[in-house]
Each structure stands twice: as C-alpha cells, then as structure tokens.
PDB file of N, CA and C in Angstrom:
ATOM      1  N   MET A   1     -22.297  30.177 -25.940  1.00  0.00           N
ATOM      2  CA  MET A   1     -21.803  28.819 -25.914  1.00  0.00           C
ATOM      3  C   MET A   1     -21.976  28.250 -24.508  1.00  0.00           C
ATOM      4  N   SER A   2     -22.566  27.090 -24.414  1.00  0.00           N
ATOM      5  CA  SER A   2     -22.776  26.492 -23.102  1.00  0.00           C
ATOM      6  C   SER A   2     -21.508  25.813 -22.604  1.00  0.00           C
ATOM      7  N   ARG A   3     -21.377  25.768 -21.313  1.00  0.00           N
ATOM      8  CA  ARG A   3     -20.207  25.156 -20.693  1.00  0.00           C
ATOM      9  C   ARG A   3     -20.362  23.639 -20.702  1.00  0.00           C
ATOM     10  N   ARG A   4     -19.330  22.929 -21.116  1.00  0.00           N
ATOM     11  CA  ARG A   4     -19.357  21.467 -21.172  1.00  0.00           C
ATOM     12  C   ARG A   4     -18.906  20.872 -19.845  1.00  0.00           C
ATOM     13  N   THR A   5     -19.462  19.704 -19.536  1.00  0.00           N
ATOM     14  CA  THR A   5     -19.056  18.988 -18.327  1.00  0.00           C
ATOM     15  C   THR A   5     -17.735  18.275 -18.607  1.00  0.00           C
ATOM     16  N   PRO A   6     -17.004  17.890 -17.546  1.00  0.00           N
ATOM     17  CA  PRO A   6     -15.772  17.117 -17.765  1.00  0.00           C
ATOM     18  C   PRO A   6     -16.021  15.838 -18.568  1.00  0.00           C
ATOM     19  N   GLU A   7     -17.155  15.182 -18.322  1.00  0.00           N
ATOM     20  CA  GLU A   7     -17.488  13.965 -19.061  1.00  0.00           C
ATOM     21  C   GLU A   7     -17.637  14.243 -20.550  1.00  0.00           C
ATOM     22  N   GLU A   8     -18.308  15.341 -20.890  1.00  0.00           N
ATOM     23  CA  GLU A   8     -18.505  15.702 -22.289  1.00  0.00           C
ATOM     24  C   GLU A   8     -17.178  16.017 -22.973  1.00  0.00           C
ATOM     25  N   ILE A   9     -16.300  16.695 -22.258  1.00  0.00           N
ATOM     26  CA  ILE A   9     -14.997  17.028 -22.827  1.00  0.00           C
ATOM     27  C   ILE A   9     -14.187  15.763 -23.084  1.00  0.00           C
ATOM     28  N   LEU A  10     -14.148  14.846 -22.105  1.00  0.00           N
ATOM     29  CA  LEU A  10     -13.413  13.591 -22.302  1.00  0.00           C
ATOM     30  C   LEU A  10     -14.021  12.768 -23.435  1.00  0.00           C
ATOM     31  N   ALA A  11     -15.344  12.774 -23.549  1.00  0.00           N
ATOM     32  CA  ALA A  11     -16.004  12.031 -24.630  1.00  0.00           C
ATOM     33  C   ALA A  11     -15.600  12.586 -25.995  1.00  0.00           C
ATOM     34  N   LEU A  12     -15.382  13.900 -26.084  1.00  0.00           N
ATOM     35  CA  LEU A  12     -14.935  14.500 -27.337  1.00  0.00           C
ATOM     36  C   LEU A  12     -13.585  13.936 -27.780  1.00  0.00           C
ATOM     37  N   PHE A  13     -12.772  13.525 -26.817  1.00  0.00           N
ATOM     38  CA  PHE A  13     -11.459  12.961 -27.106  1.00  0.00           C
ATOM     39  C   PHE A  13     -11.491  11.441 -27.224  1.00  0.00           C
ATOM     40  N   GLY A  14     -12.683  10.864 -27.218  1.00  0.00           N
ATOM     41  CA  GLY A  14     -12.805   9.424 -27.423  1.00  0.00           C
ATOM     42  C   GLY A  14     -12.729   8.572 -26.172  1.00  0.00           C
ATOM     43  N   TYR A  15     -12.936   9.166 -25.010  1.00  0.00           N
ATOM     44  CA  TYR A  15     -12.838   8.407 -23.766  1.00  0.00           C
ATOM     45  C   TYR A  15     -14.205   8.064 -23.181  1.00  0.00           C
ATOM     46  N   GLY A  16     -15.208   7.977 -23.996  1.00  0.00           N
ATOM     47  CA  GLY A  16     -16.571   7.734 -23.524  1.00  0.00           C
ATOM     48  C   GLY A  16     -16.726   6.531 -22.623  1.00  0.00           C
ATOM     49  N   GLU A  17     -16.140   5.418 -22.989  1.00  0.00           N
ATOM     50  CA  GLU A  17     -16.256   4.193 -22.200  1.00  0.00           C
ATOM     51  C   GLU A  17     -15.171   4.093 -21.139  1.00  0.00           C
ATOM     52  N   ASP A  18     -14.215   4.973 -21.182  1.00  0.00           N
ATOM     53  CA  ASP A  18     -13.028   4.898 -20.330  1.00  0.00           C
ATOM     54  C   ASP A  18     -13.079   5.896 -19.175  1.00  0.00           C
ATOM     55  N   ILE A  19     -14.177   6.574 -19.006  1.00  0.00           N
ATOM     56  CA  ILE A  19     -14.256   7.643 -18.026  1.00  0.00           C
ATOM     57  C   ILE A  19     -14.620   7.097 -16.648  1.00  0.00           C
ATOM     58  N   ALA A  20     -13.801   7.409 -15.666  1.00  0.00           N
ATOM     59  CA  ALA A  20     -14.105   7.082 -14.274  1.00  0.00           C
ATOM     60  C   ALA A  20     -14.754   8.303 -13.638  1.00  0.00           C
ATOM     61  N   ARG A  21     -15.785   8.064 -12.844  1.00  0.00           N
ATOM     62  CA  ARG A  21     -16.467   9.130 -12.103  1.00  0.00           C
ATOM     63  C   ARG A  21     -16.505   8.700 -10.640  1.00  0.00           C
ATOM     64  N   VAL A  22     -15.760   9.397  -9.814  1.00  0.00           N
ATOM     65  CA  VAL A  22     -15.623   8.997  -8.414  1.00  0.00           C
ATOM     66  C   VAL A  22     -16.017  10.162  -7.517  1.00  0.00           C
ATOM     67  N   PRO A  23     -17.052   9.973  -6.680  1.00  0.00           N
ATOM     68  CA  PRO A  23     -17.383  11.037  -5.718  1.00  0.00           C
ATOM     69  C   PRO A  23     -16.160  11.308  -4.838  1.00  0.00           C
ATOM     70  N   PHE A  24     -15.863  12.580  -4.609  1.00  0.00           N
ATOM     71  CA  PHE A  24     -14.651  12.945  -3.886  1.00  0.00           C
ATOM     72  C   PHE A  24     -14.907  14.143  -2.976  1.00  0.00           C
ATOM     73  N   PRO A  25     -15.852  13.980  -2.024  1.00  0.00           N
ATOM     74  CA  PRO A  25     -16.111  15.087  -1.094  1.00  0.00           C
ATOM     75  C   PRO A  25     -14.914  15.320  -0.187  1.00  0.00           C
ATOM     76  N   ALA A  26     -14.925  16.401   0.551  1.00  0.00           N
ATOM     77  CA  ALA A  26     -13.795  16.782   1.402  1.00  0.00           C
ATOM     78  C   ALA A  26     -13.379  15.663   2.354  1.00  0.00           C
ATOM     79  N   GLU A  27     -14.330  14.950   2.928  1.00  0.00           N
ATOM     80  CA  GLU A  27     -14.007  13.865   3.862  1.00  0.00           C
ATOM     81  C   GLU A  27     -13.206  12.762   3.168  1.00  0.00           C
ATOM     82  N   THR A  28     -13.604  12.379   1.975  1.00  0.00           N
ATOM     83  CA  THR A  28     -12.880  11.369   1.206  1.00  0.00           C
ATOM     84  C   THR A  28     -11.512  11.895   0.804  1.00  0.00           C
ATOM     85  N   ARG A  29     -11.464  13.125   0.356  1.00  0.00           N
ATOM     86  CA  ARG A  29     -10.210  13.759  -0.043  1.00  0.00           C
ATOM     87  C   ARG A  29      -9.205  13.735   1.110  1.00  0.00           C
ATOM     88  N   ASP A  30      -9.667  14.077   2.314  1.00  0.00           N
ATOM     89  CA  ASP A  30      -8.791  14.066   3.491  1.00  0.00           C
ATOM     90  C   ASP A  30      -8.317  12.651   3.812  1.00  0.00           C
ATOM     91  N   GLY A  31      -9.199  11.666   3.657  1.00  0.00           N
ATOM     92  CA  GLY A  31      -8.825  10.277   3.912  1.00  0.00           C
ATOM     93  C   GLY A  31      -7.789   9.770   2.930  1.00  0.00           C
ATOM     94  N   VAL A  32      -7.951  10.097   1.672  1.00  0.00           N
ATOM     95  CA  VAL A  32      -6.980   9.690   0.651  1.00  0.00           C
ATOM     96  C   VAL A  32      -5.627  10.327   0.937  1.00  0.00           C
ATOM     97  N   LYS A  33      -5.643  11.597   1.271  1.00  0.00           N
ATOM     98  CA  LYS A  33      -4.383  12.272   1.575  1.00  0.00           C
ATOM     99  C   LYS A  33      -3.713  11.663   2.809  1.00  0.00           C
ATOM    100  N   ALA A  34      -4.496  11.189   3.763  1.00  0.00           N
ATOM    101  CA  ALA A  34      -3.936  10.610   4.990  1.00  0.00           C
ATOM    102  C   ALA A  34      -3.257   9.266   4.729  1.00  0.00           C
ATOM    103  N   ILE A  35      -3.849   8.416   3.876  1.00  0.00           N
ATOM    104  CA  ILE A  35      -3.266   7.081   3.672  1.00  0.00           C
ATOM    105  C   ILE A  35      -2.015   7.117   2.802  1.00  0.00           C
ATOM    106  N   PHE A  36      -1.887   8.149   1.972  1.00  0.00           N
ATOM    107  CA  PHE A  36      -0.686   8.271   1.150  1.00  0.00           C
ATOM    108  C   PHE A  36       0.365   9.082   1.909  1.00  0.00           C
ATOM    109  N   THR A  37       0.977   8.431   2.887  1.00  0.00           N
ATOM    110  CA  THR A  37       1.991   9.089   3.698  1.00  0.00           C
ATOM    111  C   THR A  37       3.240   9.367   2.857  1.00  0.00           C
ATOM    112  N   ASP A  38       4.072  10.258   3.353  1.00  0.00           N
ATOM    113  CA  ASP A  38       5.325  10.544   2.654  1.00  0.00           C
ATOM    114  C   ASP A  38       6.186   9.290   2.554  1.00  0.00           C
ATOM    115  N   ALA A  39       6.204   8.478   3.620  1.00  0.00           N
ATOM    116  CA  ALA A  39       6.996   7.238   3.607  1.00  0.00           C
ATOM    117  C   ALA A  39       6.492   6.292   2.518  1.00  0.00           C
ATOM    118  N   PHE A  40       5.164   6.164   2.378  1.00  0.00           N
ATOM    119  CA  PHE A  40       4.585   5.314   1.335  1.00  0.00           C
ATOM    120  C   PHE A  40       4.982   5.832  -0.042  1.00  0.00           C
ATOM    121  N   MET A  41       4.844   7.134  -0.236  1.00  0.00           N
ATOM    122  CA  MET A  41       5.131   7.715  -1.543  1.00  0.00           C
ATOM    123  C   MET A  41       6.598   7.536  -1.911  1.00  0.00           C
ATOM    124  N   ARG A  42       7.505   7.710  -0.962  1.00  0.00           N
ATOM    125  CA  ARG A  42       8.932   7.541  -1.251  1.00  0.00           C
ATOM    126  C   ARG A  42       9.276   6.083  -1.547  1.00  0.00           C
ATOM    127  N   GLU A  43       8.590   5.157  -0.870  1.00  0.00           N
ATOM    128  CA  GLU A  43       8.882   3.732  -1.084  1.00  0.00           C
ATOM    129  C   GLU A  43       8.335   3.212  -2.408  1.00  0.00           C
ATOM    130  N   TYR A  44       7.145   3.635  -2.776  1.00  0.00           N
ATOM    131  CA  TYR A  44       6.469   3.031  -3.918  1.00  0.00           C
ATOM    132  C   TYR A  44       6.374   3.907  -5.168  1.00  0.00           C
ATOM    133  N   THR A  45       6.782   5.168  -5.079  1.00  0.00           N
ATOM    134  CA  THR A  45       6.646   6.058  -6.242  1.00  0.00           C
ATOM    135  C   THR A  45       7.930   6.870  -6.448  1.00  0.00           C
ATOM    136  N   ASN A  46       7.945   7.638  -7.513  1.00  0.00           N
ATOM    137  CA  ASN A  46       9.040   8.567  -7.784  1.00  0.00           C
ATOM    138  C   ASN A  46       8.803   9.914  -7.113  1.00  0.00           C
ATOM    139  N   CYS A  47       7.763  10.007  -6.306  1.00  0.00           N
ATOM    140  CA  CYS A  47       7.384  11.264  -5.651  1.00  0.00           C
ATOM    141  C   CYS A  47       7.754  11.220  -4.172  1.00  0.00           C
ATOM    142  N   ASN A  48       8.026  12.364  -3.604  1.00  0.00           N
ATOM    143  CA  ASN A  48       8.353  12.461  -2.185  1.00  0.00           C
ATOM    144  C   ASN A  48       7.128  12.625  -1.293  1.00  0.00           C
ATOM    145  N   SER A  49       6.001  12.999  -1.909  1.00  0.00           N
ATOM    146  CA  SER A  49       4.776  13.224  -1.135  1.00  0.00           C
ATOM    147  C   SER A  49       3.566  13.048  -2.052  1.00  0.00           C
ATOM    148  N   PHE A  50       2.391  12.920  -1.431  1.00  0.00           N
ATOM    149  CA  PHE A  50       1.175  12.823  -2.223  1.00  0.00           C
ATOM    150  C   PHE A  50       0.866  14.159  -2.891  1.00  0.00           C
ATOM    151  N   ASP A  51       1.225  15.254  -2.250  1.00  0.00           N
ATOM    152  CA  ASP A  51       1.047  16.566  -2.879  1.00  0.00           C
ATOM    153  C   ASP A  51       1.818  16.637  -4.199  1.00  0.00           C
ATOM    154  N   GLU A  52       3.046  16.132  -4.189  1.00  0.00           N
ATOM    155  CA  GLU A  52       3.848  16.112  -5.414  1.00  0.00           C
ATOM    156  C   GLU A  52       3.183  15.233  -6.479  1.00  0.00           C
ATOM    157  N   PHE A  53       2.662  14.088  -6.065  1.00  0.00           N
ATOM    158  CA  PHE A  53       1.963  13.192  -6.981  1.00  0.00           C
ATOM    159  C   PHE A  53       0.732  13.883  -7.569  1.00  0.00           C
ATOM    160  N   MET A  54      -0.053  14.545  -6.715  1.00  0.00           N
ATOM    161  CA  MET A  54      -1.250  15.234  -7.201  1.00  0.00           C
ATOM    162  C   MET A  54      -0.876  16.329  -8.192  1.00  0.00           C
ATOM    163  N   PHE A  55       0.166  17.083  -7.891  1.00  0.00           N
ATOM    164  CA  PHE A  55       0.604  18.137  -8.796  1.00  0.00           C
ATOM    165  C   PHE A  55       1.017  17.541 -10.142  1.00  0.00           C
ATOM    166  N   SER A  56       1.757  16.438 -10.112  1.00  0.00           N
ATOM    167  CA  SER A  56       2.227  15.794 -11.342  1.00  0.00           C
ATOM    168  C   SER A  56       1.081  15.212 -12.154  1.00  0.00           C
ATOM    169  N   SER A  57       0.035  14.761 -11.479  1.00  0.00           N
ATOM    170  CA  SER A  57      -1.080  14.119 -12.183  1.00  0.00           C
ATOM    171  C   SER A  57      -2.233  15.071 -12.454  1.00  0.00           C
ATOM    172  N   ALA A  58      -2.057  16.347 -12.177  1.00  0.00           N
ATOM    173  CA  ALA A  58      -3.149  17.306 -12.334  1.00  0.00           C
ATOM    174  C   ALA A  58      -3.662  17.387 -13.762  1.00  0.00           C
ATOM    175  N   VAL A  59      -2.841  17.008 -14.726  1.00  0.00           N
ATOM    176  CA  VAL A  59      -3.299  17.010 -16.118  1.00  0.00           C
ATOM    177  C   VAL A  59      -4.349  15.908 -16.340  1.00  0.00           C
ATOM    178  N   PHE A  60      -4.369  14.899 -15.479  1.00  0.00           N
ATOM    179  CA  PHE A  60      -5.320  13.791 -15.602  1.00  0.00           C
ATOM    180  C   PHE A  60      -6.496  13.915 -14.641  1.00  0.00           C
ATOM    181  N   VAL A  61      -6.260  14.496 -13.475  1.00  0.00           N
ATOM    182  CA  VAL A  61      -7.274  14.533 -12.417  1.00  0.00           C
ATOM    183  C   VAL A  61      -7.298  15.908 -11.761  1.00  0.00           C
ATOM    184  N   ASN A  62      -8.506  16.447 -11.574  1.00  0.00           N
ATOM    185  CA  ASN A  62      -8.675  17.673 -10.794  1.00  0.00           C
ATOM    186  C   ASN A  62      -8.952  17.235  -9.355  1.00  0.00           C
ATOM    187  N   TRP A  63      -7.915  17.220  -8.535  1.00  0.00           N
ATOM    188  CA  TRP A  63      -8.005  16.712  -7.160  1.00  0.00           C
ATOM    189  C   TRP A  63      -8.826  17.607  -6.245  1.00  0.00           C
ATOM    190  N   ASP A  64      -9.161  18.807  -6.665  1.00  0.00           N
ATOM    191  CA  ASP A  64      -9.897  19.744  -5.817  1.00  0.00           C
ATOM    192  C   ASP A  64     -11.398  19.710  -6.048  1.00  0.00           C
ATOM    193  N   ASP A  65     -11.858  18.878  -6.946  1.00  0.00           N
ATOM    194  CA  ASP A  65     -13.273  18.817  -7.276  1.00  0.00           C
ATOM    195  C   ASP A  65     -13.979  17.803  -6.381  1.00  0.00           C
ATOM    196  N   ASP A  66     -15.288  17.957  -6.218  1.00  0.00           N
ATOM    197  CA  ASP A  66     -16.075  17.001  -5.430  1.00  0.00           C
ATOM    198  C   ASP A  66     -16.421  15.743  -6.217  1.00  0.00           C
ATOM    199  N   LEU A  67     -16.089  15.734  -7.496  1.00  0.00           N
ATOM    200  CA  LEU A  67     -16.279  14.558  -8.346  1.00  0.00           C
ATOM    201  C   LEU A  67     -15.051  14.428  -9.226  1.00  0.00           C
ATOM    202  N   LEU A  68     -14.314  13.337  -9.032  1.00  0.00           N
ATOM    203  CA  LEU A  68     -13.154  13.085  -9.890  1.00  0.00           C
ATOM    204  C   LEU A  68     -13.659  12.481 -11.189  1.00  0.00           C
ATOM    205  N   VAL A  69     -13.334  13.108 -12.291  1.00  0.00           N
ATOM    206  CA  VAL A  69     -13.700  12.618 -13.612  1.00  0.00           C
ATOM    207  C   VAL A  69     -12.413  12.560 -14.421  1.00  0.00           C
ATOM    208  N   TYR A  70     -12.039  11.342 -14.842  1.00  0.00           N
ATOM    209  CA  TYR A  70     -10.768  11.193 -15.544  1.00  0.00           C
ATOM    210  C   TYR A  70     -10.794   9.970 -16.452  1.00  0.00           C
ATOM    211  N   SER A  71      -9.869   9.945 -17.389  1.00  0.00           N
ATOM    212  CA  SER A  71      -9.676   8.792 -18.258  1.00  0.00           C
ATOM    213  C   SER A  71      -8.942   7.734 -17.441  1.00  0.00           C
ATOM    214  N   LYS A  72      -9.590   6.618 -17.201  1.00  0.00           N
ATOM    215  CA  LYS A  72      -9.007   5.556 -16.390  1.00  0.00           C
ATOM    216  C   LYS A  72      -7.719   5.029 -17.023  1.00  0.00           C
ATOM    217  N   SER A  73      -7.716   4.781 -18.317  1.00  0.00           N
ATOM    218  CA  SER A  73      -6.526   4.220 -18.965  1.00  0.00           C
ATOM    219  C   SER A  73      -5.350   5.201 -18.930  1.00  0.00           C
ATOM    220  N   ARG A  74      -5.618   6.476 -19.139  1.00  0.00           N
ATOM    221  CA  ARG A  74      -4.542   7.478 -19.116  1.00  0.00           C
ATOM    222  C   ARG A  74      -3.970   7.643 -17.705  1.00  0.00           C
ATOM    223  N   PHE A  75      -4.850   7.685 -16.715  1.00  0.00           N
ATOM    224  CA  PHE A  75      -4.377   7.851 -15.347  1.00  0.00           C
ATOM    225  C   PHE A  75      -3.630   6.596 -14.879  1.00  0.00           C
ATOM    226  N   ASP A  76      -4.134   5.413 -15.238  1.00  0.00           N
ATOM    227  CA  ASP A  76      -3.429   4.172 -14.897  1.00  0.00           C
ATOM    228  C   ASP A  76      -2.051   4.134 -15.556  1.00  0.00           C
ATOM    229  N   ALA A  77      -1.939   4.619 -16.784  1.00  0.00           N
ATOM    230  CA  ALA A  77      -0.640   4.667 -17.463  1.00  0.00           C
ATOM    231  C   ALA A  77       0.307   5.602 -16.713  1.00  0.00           C
ATOM    232  N   PHE A  78      -0.216   6.724 -16.236  1.00  0.00           N
ATOM    233  CA  PHE A  78       0.604   7.639 -15.450  1.00  0.00           C
ATOM    234  C   PHE A  78       1.066   6.973 -14.156  1.00  0.00           C
ATOM    235  N   VAL A  79       0.146   6.326 -13.444  1.00  0.00           N
ATOM    236  CA  VAL A  79       0.485   5.636 -12.192  1.00  0.00           C
ATOM    237  C   VAL A  79       1.554   4.587 -12.451  1.00  0.00           C
ATOM    238  N   SER A  80       1.410   3.834 -13.528  1.00  0.00           N
ATOM    239  CA  SER A  80       2.387   2.804 -13.886  1.00  0.00           C
ATOM    240  C   SER A  80       3.763   3.407 -14.158  1.00  0.00           C
ATOM    241  N   GLU A  81       3.770   4.584 -14.726  1.00  0.00           N
ATOM    242  CA  GLU A  81       5.028   5.251 -15.065  1.00  0.00           C
ATOM    243  C   GLU A  81       5.767   5.790 -13.836  1.00  0.00           C
ATOM    244  N   VAL A  82       5.024   6.286 -12.840  1.00  0.00           N
ATOM    245  CA  VAL A  82       5.667   6.943 -11.695  1.00  0.00           C
ATOM    246  C   VAL A  82       5.682   6.113 -10.415  1.00  0.00           C
ATOM    247  N   SER A  83       5.167   4.881 -10.488  1.00  0.00           N
ATOM    248  CA  SER A  83       5.107   4.064  -9.272  1.00  0.00           C
ATOM    249  C   SER A  83       5.393   2.600  -9.598  1.00  0.00           C
ATOM    250  N   SER A  84       5.360   1.790  -8.566  1.00  0.00           N
ATOM    251  CA  SER A  84       5.545   0.353  -8.762  1.00  0.00           C
ATOM    252  C   SER A  84       4.209  -0.354  -8.974  1.00  0.00           C
ATOM    253  N   PHE A  85       3.147   0.386  -9.209  1.00  0.00           N
ATOM    254  CA  PHE A  85       1.807  -0.171  -9.413  1.00  0.00           C
ATOM    255  C   PHE A  85       1.382  -0.032 -10.866  1.00  0.00           C
ATOM    256  N   ARG A  86       0.562  -0.961 -11.309  1.00  0.00           N
ATOM    257  CA  ARG A  86       0.058  -0.905 -12.690  1.00  0.00           C
ATOM    258  C   ARG A  86      -1.164  -0.017 -12.815  1.00  0.00           C
ATOM    259  N   THR A  87      -1.918   0.129 -11.704  1.00  0.00           N
ATOM    260  CA  THR A  87      -3.155   0.901 -11.755  1.00  0.00           C
ATOM    261  C   THR A  87      -3.323   1.757 -10.508  1.00  0.00           C
ATOM    262  N   TRP A  88      -4.162   2.777 -10.637  1.00  0.00           N
ATOM    263  CA  TRP A  88      -4.514   3.622  -9.508  1.00  0.00           C
ATOM    264  C   TRP A  88      -5.205   2.786  -8.435  1.00  0.00           C
ATOM    265  N   ASP A  89      -6.096   1.886  -8.836  1.00  0.00           N
ATOM    266  CA  ASP A  89      -6.812   1.059  -7.861  1.00  0.00           C
ATOM    267  C   ASP A  89      -5.846   0.220  -7.029  1.00  0.00           C
ATOM    268  N   ALA A  90      -4.813  -0.341  -7.659  1.00  0.00           N
ATOM    269  CA  ALA A  90      -3.825  -1.139  -6.934  1.00  0.00           C
ATOM    270  C   ALA A  90      -3.036  -0.271  -5.962  1.00  0.00           C
ATOM    271  N   MET A  91      -2.681   0.931  -6.399  1.00  0.00           N
ATOM    272  CA  MET A  91      -1.931   1.844  -5.539  1.00  0.00           C
ATOM    273  C   MET A  91      -2.778   2.265  -4.341  1.00  0.00           C
ATOM    274  N   LEU A  92      -4.024   2.589  -4.590  1.00  0.00           N
ATOM    275  CA  LEU A  92      -4.949   2.998  -3.543  1.00  0.00           C
ATOM    276  C   LEU A  92      -5.163   1.869  -2.534  1.00  0.00           C
ATOM    277  N   LYS A  93      -5.332   0.655  -3.032  1.00  0.00           N
ATOM    278  CA  LYS A  93      -5.544  -0.504  -2.156  1.00  0.00           C
ATOM    279  C   LYS A  93      -4.333  -0.739  -1.253  1.00  0.00           C
ATOM    280  N   LYS A  94      -3.136  -0.691  -1.836  1.00  0.00           N
ATOM    281  CA  LYS A  94      -1.915  -0.911  -1.055  1.00  0.00           C
ATOM    282  C   LYS A  94      -1.732   0.174  -0.003  1.00  0.00           C
ATOM    283  N   ALA A  95      -2.014   1.409  -0.361  1.00  0.00           N
ATOM    284  CA  ALA A  95      -1.895   2.511   0.615  1.00  0.00           C
ATOM    285  C   ALA A  95      -2.872   2.303   1.773  1.00  0.00           C
ATOM    286  N   GLY A  96      -4.087   1.868   1.460  1.00  0.00           N
ATOM    287  CA  GLY A  96      -5.074   1.598   2.503  1.00  0.00           C
ATOM    288  C   GLY A  96      -4.641   0.474   3.425  1.00  0.00           C
ATOM    289  N   GLU A  97      -4.081  -0.583   2.839  1.00  0.00           N
ATOM    290  CA  GLU A  97      -3.607  -1.721   3.636  1.00  0.00           C
ATOM    291  C   GLU A  97      -2.403  -1.348   4.494  1.00  0.00           C
ATOM    292  N   SER A  98      -1.561  -0.471   3.973  1.00  0.00           N
ATOM    293  CA  SER A  98      -0.335  -0.078   4.674  1.00  0.00           C
ATOM    294  C   SER A  98      -0.558   0.968   5.749  1.00  0.00           C
ATOM    295  N   TYR A  99      -1.660   1.682   5.655  1.00  0.00           N
ATOM    296  CA  TYR A  99      -1.916   2.796   6.559  1.00  0.00           C
ATOM    297  C   TYR A  99      -1.921   2.319   8.018  1.00  0.00           C
ATOM    298  N   GLY A 100      -1.133   2.985   8.822  1.00  0.00           N
ATOM    299  CA  GLY A 100      -1.075   2.670  10.237  1.00  0.00           C
ATOM    300  C   GLY A 100      -0.091   1.572  10.608  1.00  0.00           C
ATOM    301  N   THR A 101       0.537   0.962   9.599  1.00  0.00           N
ATOM    302  CA  THR A 101       1.497  -0.105   9.880  1.00  0.00           C
ATOM    303  C   THR A 101       2.929   0.375   9.734  1.00  0.00           C
ATOM    304  N   GLU A 102       3.102   1.637   9.367  1.00  0.00           N
ATOM    305  CA  GLU A 102       4.451   2.169   9.158  1.00  0.00           C
ATOM    306  C   GLU A 102       5.091   2.569  10.465  1.00  0.00           C
TER     307      GLU A 102
END
C-alpha cells in the first residue's frame, strides 16, 4: 500500500477545495512563534502561550512539518472557538501588527 500525502487524505474527507498549503520552513516557523508572544496569546486567546495553542490545534495542523496542509474551514472554526478572531489569517495579521509594540 502506498503512503498517501496529507492533501490526498484531506481530499478523502471532502476537503479538496478547502485545503490550505503553506510553506513552513524553520525560518518561517521561528518567525511565527516569535510574533505570538505569551502576552498576545493571553490577551486574544484562551491559551497562555503559542505552544499551548499549537498543542491544542495539532489535530488540524502539523506544526513541525515544512509544509502546513490543513482544512482552512476547520482550522478557522478552531481559531474562532479559542480566540477573539474569526480566522487564522486575521489572528496572524494582528499578531504581526502587534509584534514589538507590547
């Protein structure tokens, strides 16, 4: 049996058009972790740190991979549930804007 890609697995569950594919090399990963400070996470989410957020969202996203492949609608629903943002993109944008101003 051949090994399926994350995209193929998500497509099996009906997420063919809903799949986000985001390059996530170590440099990007470090940058994302830097902008999501503990202060930001405590203010805008139910999590105390970005590590806690990543652990909670691991069912939606493999944060250790060089390519993030996930269902955009499912991950956005998770973000909406645990934060004051409706989408991951909105949360990411706000963290980027807030970085260095705390």
